[in-house]
Amino acid sequence: MRHILLAFAATLAITLPAQAEDVTVAVTAIVEHPALDAARDGVKEALEAAGYKEGENLKFIYESAQGNPATAAQIARQFVGEGPNVIVPISTPSAQAVVSATKDIPVVFTAVSDPVGAQLVTNMDKPGGNVTGLSDMSPVAEHLALIKEILPNAKTIGFLYNSGEANSVSLLAVLKAEAEKAGLTVVESAATKSAEVQGAARALVGRADAIYIPTDNTIISALEGAVAVAEEAKLPLFTADTDSVSRGAIAALGFNYHDVGKQTGEVVVRILKGENPGDIAVKVAAGTDLVVNKSAAAKMGVTLPEAVIGRATRVIE
């Protein structure tokens, strides 16, 4: 009987899934707004799906830099001192701060448009070192096509961005190239902090036929100021961030950032299970959603075409 029990126990040991070991994952974002918050929550969901549960075998640390790059650097140094298993910086400024702070702890960045331009990695396919992650490079050509479909007479696009944000500078270059192909002109207006966003939006009134806001955390964190200007001036406002549509933009074609977070979390899990981050290619996040806001369009003097409404992933009345 004893031999039978021992054999049964050995079989159980082989067939039962191994319990995930205790780990610490530290997450930081440059600022809190719906898209970045959704990415953070997606990371946690992916960890839980893989058996890493907060309060059981996962310590999940989160810190926001509240829009301050100096605070982002301070958080990065704090995390490195605590020695987590993986650090997940959300957004380019946070990723730059973390990558500058450690060459040893695995780093999985997310919500970074241009990882090479931001000097996080030198090669997307073979990042090497301790860094990998996900890019959310916007489909800019598709954004312009959407704007032209909704506003066929538009000739000039106002680009509202933070000139100190590496992502946005990269996107501006892409936008200018794609706008030229589409027969459009780009007019820039910069805000380096959230308090300047409304004034920067006002500077586009009379100079642009529409405002286009990229996945720029400074601008999106103060989106309501830009929306107020757009409504008052009847200047249609579009964004690359789908979570901003419910806050007053007319439309956005972009990522579901909860899904982006889940994809990021899956990379974190691979590292927790023993893979080297430098051997994991940096991928562009999968999936795009089209979200439109009928009420916002009406306030800005625009009627959304039925074809756009018909193919929207989500319609806000």
Protein backbone atom coordinates (compact mmCIF):
# COMPACT_ATOMS: atom_id res chain seq x y z
CA MET A 1 0.00 0.00 0.00
CA ARG A 2 2.81 2.37 0.92
CA HIS A 3 4.40 1.84 -2.54
CA ILE A 4 1.08 2.58 -4.20
CA LEU A 5 0.68 5.85 -2.24
CA LEU A 6 4.23 6.92 -3.09
CA ALA A 7 3.62 6.21 -6.76
CA PHE A 8 0.35 8.18 -6.64
CA ALA A 9 2.09 11.13 -4.98
CA ALA A 10 4.82 11.07 -7.61
CA THR A 11 2.19 11.09 -10.36
CA LEU A 12 0.48 14.09 -8.76
CA ALA A 13 3.78 15.95 -8.58
CA ILE A 14 4.24 15.42 -12.31
CA THR A 15 0.70 16.23 -13.45
CA LEU A 16 -0.23 19.17 -11.24
CA PRO A 17 0.81 22.61 -12.59
CA ALA A 18 3.71 24.21 -10.76
CA GLN A 19 2.78 27.07 -8.47
CA ALA A 20 4.19 30.38 -9.75
CA GLU A 21 6.99 31.61 -7.51
CA ASP A 22 6.75 34.80 -5.47
CA VAL A 23 7.72 37.78 -7.64
CA THR A 24 7.72 41.59 -7.59
CA VAL A 25 6.72 43.63 -10.63
CA ALA A 26 7.17 47.41 -10.44
CA VAL A 27 5.12 49.58 -12.83
CA THR A 28 5.43 53.31 -13.43
CA ALA A 29 3.80 55.82 -15.78
CA ILE A 30 4.65 59.41 -16.57
CA VAL A 31 1.11 60.57 -15.78
CA GLU A 32 -2.31 59.15 -14.97
CA HIS A 33 -4.92 59.20 -17.72
CA PRO A 34 -7.35 56.54 -19.00
CA ALA A 35 -5.10 54.99 -21.66
CA LEU A 36 -2.04 54.56 -19.44
CA ASP A 37 -4.19 53.39 -16.52
CA ALA A 38 -5.77 50.80 -18.84
CA ALA A 39 -2.31 49.59 -19.90
CA ARG A 40 -1.31 49.17 -16.24
CA ASP A 41 -4.48 47.19 -15.50
CA GLY A 42 -3.89 45.02 -18.56
CA VAL A 43 -0.41 44.12 -17.33
CA LYS A 44 -1.84 43.02 -13.99
CA GLU A 45 -4.58 40.98 -15.71
CA ALA A 46 -2.02 39.10 -17.83
CA LEU A 47 0.05 38.34 -14.73
CA GLU A 48 -3.02 37.02 -12.93
CA ALA A 49 -3.96 34.84 -15.92
CA ALA A 50 -0.48 33.31 -15.72
CA GLY A 51 -0.89 32.50 -12.02
CA TYR A 52 0.73 35.59 -10.47
CA LYS A 53 -1.88 37.02 -8.11
CA GLU A 54 -1.48 40.14 -6.01
CA GLY A 55 -1.56 39.37 -2.31
CA GLU A 56 -0.64 35.73 -2.90
CA ASN A 57 2.57 35.34 -4.91
CA LEU A 58 2.78 38.77 -6.59
CA LYS A 59 3.85 42.11 -5.17
CA PHE A 60 2.61 44.71 -7.68
CA ILE A 61 4.06 48.20 -7.16
CA TYR A 62 2.74 51.22 -9.07
CA GLU A 63 3.96 54.82 -9.08
CA SER A 64 2.92 57.80 -11.26
CA ALA A 65 5.38 60.60 -12.02
CA GLN A 66 2.45 63.07 -12.21
CA GLY A 67 3.78 64.47 -15.49
CA ASN A 68 7.21 65.38 -14.08
CA PRO A 69 10.31 63.88 -15.79
CA ALA A 70 12.43 64.57 -12.67
CA THR A 71 9.93 62.55 -10.62
CA ALA A 72 10.08 59.79 -13.25
CA ALA A 73 13.86 59.60 -12.75
CA GLN A 74 13.41 59.51 -8.97
CA ILE A 75 10.88 56.66 -9.24
CA ALA A 76 13.24 54.76 -11.53
CA ARG A 77 16.08 55.02 -9.01
CA GLN A 78 13.71 53.97 -6.19
CA PHE A 79 12.58 50.89 -8.14
CA VAL A 80 16.16 49.88 -8.94
CA GLY A 81 17.00 50.14 -5.24
CA GLU A 82 14.09 47.84 -4.38
CA GLY A 83 15.29 45.20 -6.89
CA PRO A 84 12.03 43.90 -8.40
CA ASN A 85 12.01 40.96 -10.81
CA VAL A 86 10.80 43.16 -13.69
CA ILE A 87 10.18 46.89 -14.13
CA VAL A 88 7.40 47.99 -16.53
CA PRO A 89 7.61 51.68 -17.52
CA ILE A 90 4.55 52.99 -19.36
CA SER A 91 5.27 55.88 -21.81
CA THR A 92 8.51 57.13 -23.32
CA PRO A 93 9.66 59.48 -20.51
CA SER A 94 9.20 56.78 -17.87
CA ALA A 95 10.91 54.19 -20.07
CA GLN A 96 13.88 56.50 -20.70
CA ALA A 97 14.22 57.11 -16.96
CA VAL A 98 14.13 53.40 -16.09
CA VAL A 99 16.47 52.30 -18.90
CA SER A 100 18.96 54.97 -17.79
CA ALA A 101 18.76 53.72 -14.19
CA THR A 102 19.53 50.01 -14.66
CA LYS A 103 21.48 47.69 -16.92
CA ASP A 104 20.69 44.61 -14.83
CA ILE A 105 17.00 44.44 -13.89
CA PRO A 106 14.74 43.29 -16.78
CA VAL A 107 12.75 46.19 -18.28
CA VAL A 108 9.59 45.74 -20.38
CA PHE A 109 8.40 49.13 -21.64
CA THR A 110 5.00 49.81 -23.20
CA ALA A 111 3.09 52.65 -24.88
CA VAL A 112 6.27 53.87 -26.57
CA SER A 113 5.84 54.92 -30.21
CA ASP A 114 9.46 54.92 -31.34
CA PRO A 115 11.71 52.78 -29.09
CA VAL A 116 14.75 53.20 -31.36
CA GLY A 117 14.31 56.97 -31.70
CA ALA A 118 13.88 57.22 -27.92
CA GLN A 119 17.18 55.30 -27.57
CA LEU A 120 15.62 52.51 -25.50
CA VAL A 121 16.91 49.85 -27.91
CA THR A 122 19.09 49.94 -31.00
CA ASN A 123 17.33 47.09 -32.78
CA MET A 124 13.65 46.10 -32.61
CA ASP A 125 14.25 42.46 -33.61
CA LYS A 126 17.27 41.88 -31.35
CA PRO A 127 17.14 44.45 -28.54
CA GLY A 128 19.91 42.80 -26.47
CA GLY A 129 20.76 43.76 -22.90
CA ASN A 130 18.02 43.94 -20.29
CA VAL A 131 15.34 45.77 -22.29
CA THR A 132 12.38 44.83 -24.49
CA GLY A 133 8.76 45.91 -24.78
CA LEU A 134 5.86 46.99 -26.96
CA SER A 135 5.57 49.92 -29.35
CA ASP A 136 2.27 51.72 -29.97
CA MET A 137 3.38 53.48 -33.15
CA SER A 138 0.25 55.13 -34.52
CA PRO A 139 -1.11 54.29 -37.99
CA VAL A 140 -0.73 57.95 -39.04
CA ALA A 141 -1.64 57.44 -42.70
CA GLU A 142 -4.93 55.84 -41.61
CA HIS A 143 -5.56 58.74 -39.22
CA LEU A 144 -5.21 61.26 -42.04
CA ALA A 145 -7.46 59.17 -44.28
CA LEU A 146 -10.11 59.18 -41.55
CA ILE A 147 -9.86 62.96 -41.11
CA LYS A 148 -10.21 63.46 -44.88
CA GLU A 149 -13.18 61.10 -45.00
CA ILE A 150 -14.96 63.10 -42.27
CA LEU A 151 -13.70 66.50 -43.52
CA PRO A 152 -13.21 66.16 -47.31
CA ASN A 153 -12.44 69.88 -47.70
CA ALA A 154 -9.72 69.98 -45.04
CA LYS A 155 -6.37 71.30 -46.28
CA THR A 156 -4.45 72.08 -43.07
CA ILE A 157 -3.98 69.86 -40.01
CA GLY A 158 -3.04 71.46 -36.69
CA PHE A 159 -0.68 69.22 -34.70
CA LEU A 160 -0.92 69.81 -30.95
CA TYR A 161 2.01 68.20 -29.11
CA ASN A 162 4.73 68.42 -26.49
CA SER A 163 7.96 69.33 -28.30
CA GLY A 164 9.94 67.79 -25.43
CA GLU A 165 8.29 64.36 -25.86
CA ALA A 166 10.46 62.11 -28.07
CA ASN A 167 7.43 60.11 -29.24
CA SER A 168 5.63 63.19 -30.46
CA VAL A 169 8.67 64.57 -32.28
CA SER A 170 8.99 61.23 -34.10
CA LEU A 171 5.27 61.27 -34.91
CA LEU A 172 5.50 64.82 -36.24
CA ALA A 173 8.09 63.69 -38.78
CA VAL A 174 5.88 60.77 -39.83
CA LEU A 175 2.81 63.06 -39.98
CA LYS A 176 4.55 65.58 -42.25
CA ALA A 177 5.63 62.83 -44.65
CA GLU A 178 2.18 61.26 -44.76
CA ALA A 179 0.42 64.64 -45.00
CA GLU A 180 2.47 65.54 -48.08
CA LYS A 181 1.35 62.31 -49.75
CA ALA A 182 -2.27 63.15 -48.86
CA GLY A 183 -2.05 66.72 -50.14
CA LEU A 184 -2.32 68.22 -46.64
CA THR A 185 -0.28 70.84 -44.80
CA VAL A 186 0.74 70.50 -41.13
CA VAL A 187 0.75 73.43 -38.71
CA GLU A 188 2.45 72.82 -35.34
CA SER A 189 1.56 74.14 -31.91
CA ALA A 190 3.55 73.00 -28.88
CA ALA A 191 2.77 72.78 -25.16
CA THR A 192 5.56 71.55 -22.88
CA LYS A 193 3.29 71.15 -19.84
CA SER A 194 -0.40 70.54 -19.24
CA ALA A 195 -1.08 74.15 -18.20
CA GLU A 196 -0.07 75.29 -21.70
CA VAL A 197 -2.39 72.96 -23.64
CA GLN A 198 -5.40 75.26 -23.90
CA GLY A 199 -3.27 78.18 -25.11
CA ALA A 200 -1.51 75.96 -27.65
CA ALA A 201 -4.90 74.79 -28.97
CA ARG A 202 -6.08 78.41 -29.20
CA ALA A 203 -3.00 79.22 -31.31
CA LEU A 204 -4.35 76.87 -34.00
CA VAL A 205 -7.67 78.68 -34.39
CA GLY A 206 -7.81 80.32 -37.82
CA ARG A 207 -4.67 78.46 -38.94
CA ALA A 208 -5.96 74.90 -39.26
CA ASP A 209 -9.03 73.07 -40.54
CA ALA A 210 -8.74 70.39 -37.86
CA ILE A 211 -6.68 69.59 -34.77
CA TYR A 212 -4.88 66.26 -34.54
CA ILE A 213 -3.50 65.14 -31.16
CA PRO A 214 -1.06 62.20 -31.09
CA THR A 215 -0.55 59.74 -28.22
CA ASP A 216 1.12 62.56 -26.28
CA ASN A 217 0.67 62.20 -22.53
CA THR A 218 1.10 65.92 -21.78
CA ILE A 219 -1.66 66.93 -24.19
CA ILE A 220 -4.01 64.04 -23.40
CA SER A 221 -3.74 64.65 -19.64
CA ALA A 222 -5.18 68.16 -20.27
CA LEU A 223 -7.43 67.25 -23.20
CA GLU A 224 -10.49 69.06 -21.84
CA GLY A 225 -8.74 72.42 -22.35
CA ALA A 226 -8.16 71.67 -26.03
CA VAL A 227 -11.72 70.37 -26.44
CA ALA A 228 -13.16 73.61 -24.99
CA VAL A 229 -11.24 75.63 -27.60
CA ALA A 230 -12.32 73.27 -30.40
CA GLU A 231 -15.99 73.52 -29.44
CA GLU A 232 -15.91 77.29 -29.15
CA ALA A 233 -14.11 77.74 -32.48
CA LYS A 234 -16.00 74.94 -34.27
CA LEU A 235 -12.58 73.41 -35.01
CA PRO A 236 -12.88 69.61 -35.34
CA LEU A 237 -10.54 67.78 -32.96
CA PHE A 238 -9.23 64.25 -33.56
CA THR A 239 -6.87 62.13 -31.48
CA ALA A 240 -4.80 58.96 -31.82
CA ASP A 241 -6.00 57.85 -28.37
CA THR A 242 -9.36 56.05 -28.37
CA ASP A 243 -9.91 56.71 -24.66
CA SER A 244 -9.94 60.45 -25.43
CA VAL A 245 -13.06 60.24 -27.61
CA SER A 246 -15.39 59.91 -24.61
CA ARG A 247 -13.70 63.07 -23.25
CA GLY A 248 -14.75 65.20 -26.23
CA ALA A 249 -12.74 64.34 -29.35
CA ILE A 250 -14.69 63.61 -32.54
CA ALA A 251 -12.96 60.35 -33.45
CA ALA A 252 -9.87 58.23 -32.94
CA LEU A 253 -8.40 55.22 -34.64
CA GLY A 254 -6.05 53.63 -32.19
CA PHE A 255 -5.23 50.92 -29.72
CA ASN A 256 -7.27 49.46 -26.93
CA TYR A 257 -4.70 50.13 -24.21
CA HIS A 258 -6.06 47.46 -21.90
CA ASP A 259 -5.19 44.97 -24.65
CA VAL A 260 -1.79 46.64 -25.10
CA GLY A 261 -1.22 46.14 -21.37
CA LYS A 262 -2.19 42.47 -21.60
CA GLN A 263 0.23 41.95 -24.49
CA THR A 264 2.92 43.67 -22.39
CA GLY A 265 2.09 41.50 -19.38
CA GLU A 266 2.52 38.38 -21.50
CA VAL A 267 6.11 39.49 -22.23
CA VAL A 268 6.67 40.07 -18.50
CA VAL A 269 5.48 36.52 -17.83
CA ARG A 270 7.97 35.13 -20.36
CA ILE A 271 10.78 36.87 -18.47
CA LEU A 272 9.50 35.70 -15.08
CA LYS A 273 9.63 32.17 -16.47
CA GLY A 274 13.28 32.53 -17.43
CA GLU A 275 13.58 34.16 -20.85
CA ASN A 276 16.18 36.87 -21.41
CA PRO A 277 14.56 40.25 -22.28
CA GLY A 278 17.31 41.01 -24.78
CA ASP A 279 16.29 37.91 -26.76
CA ILE A 280 12.63 38.97 -27.05
CA ALA A 281 11.89 41.14 -30.10
CA VAL A 282 10.19 44.50 -29.56
CA LYS A 283 6.76 44.22 -31.21
CA VAL A 284 4.26 46.81 -32.37
CA ALA A 285 1.07 46.22 -30.38
CA ALA A 286 -1.70 44.41 -32.23
CA GLY A 287 -5.19 45.70 -32.94
CA THR A 288 -6.84 49.04 -33.68
CA ASP A 289 -10.26 50.36 -32.68
CA LEU A 290 -12.32 53.11 -34.33
CA VAL A 291 -14.27 55.17 -31.79
CA VAL A 292 -16.51 58.12 -32.77
CA ASN A 293 -18.42 60.69 -30.73
CA LYS A 294 -21.60 62.04 -32.37
CA SER A 295 -22.20 64.64 -29.67
CA ALA A 296 -18.66 66.02 -29.90
CA ALA A 297 -18.93 66.17 -33.70
CA ALA A 298 -22.16 68.20 -33.45
CA LYS A 299 -20.57 70.64 -30.99
CA MET A 300 -17.73 71.22 -33.47
CA GLY A 301 -20.07 71.66 -36.42
CA VAL A 302 -19.42 68.28 -38.04
CA THR A 303 -21.80 65.57 -39.27
CA LEU A 304 -20.20 62.14 -39.17
CA PRO A 305 -20.62 60.13 -42.41
CA GLU A 306 -22.77 57.04 -42.06
CA ALA A 307 -19.94 54.92 -43.49
CA VAL A 308 -17.68 55.96 -40.59
CA ILE A 309 -20.36 55.33 -37.98
CA GLY A 310 -21.14 51.96 -39.55
CA ARG A 311 -17.63 50.57 -39.17
CA ALA A 312 -16.89 52.11 -35.76
CA THR A 313 -15.96 49.74 -32.96
CA ARG A 314 -17.76 52.04 -30.57
CA VAL A 315 -20.18 54.95 -31.12
CA ILE A 316 -20.66 57.54 -28.37
CA GLU A 317 -24.01 59.26 -28.77
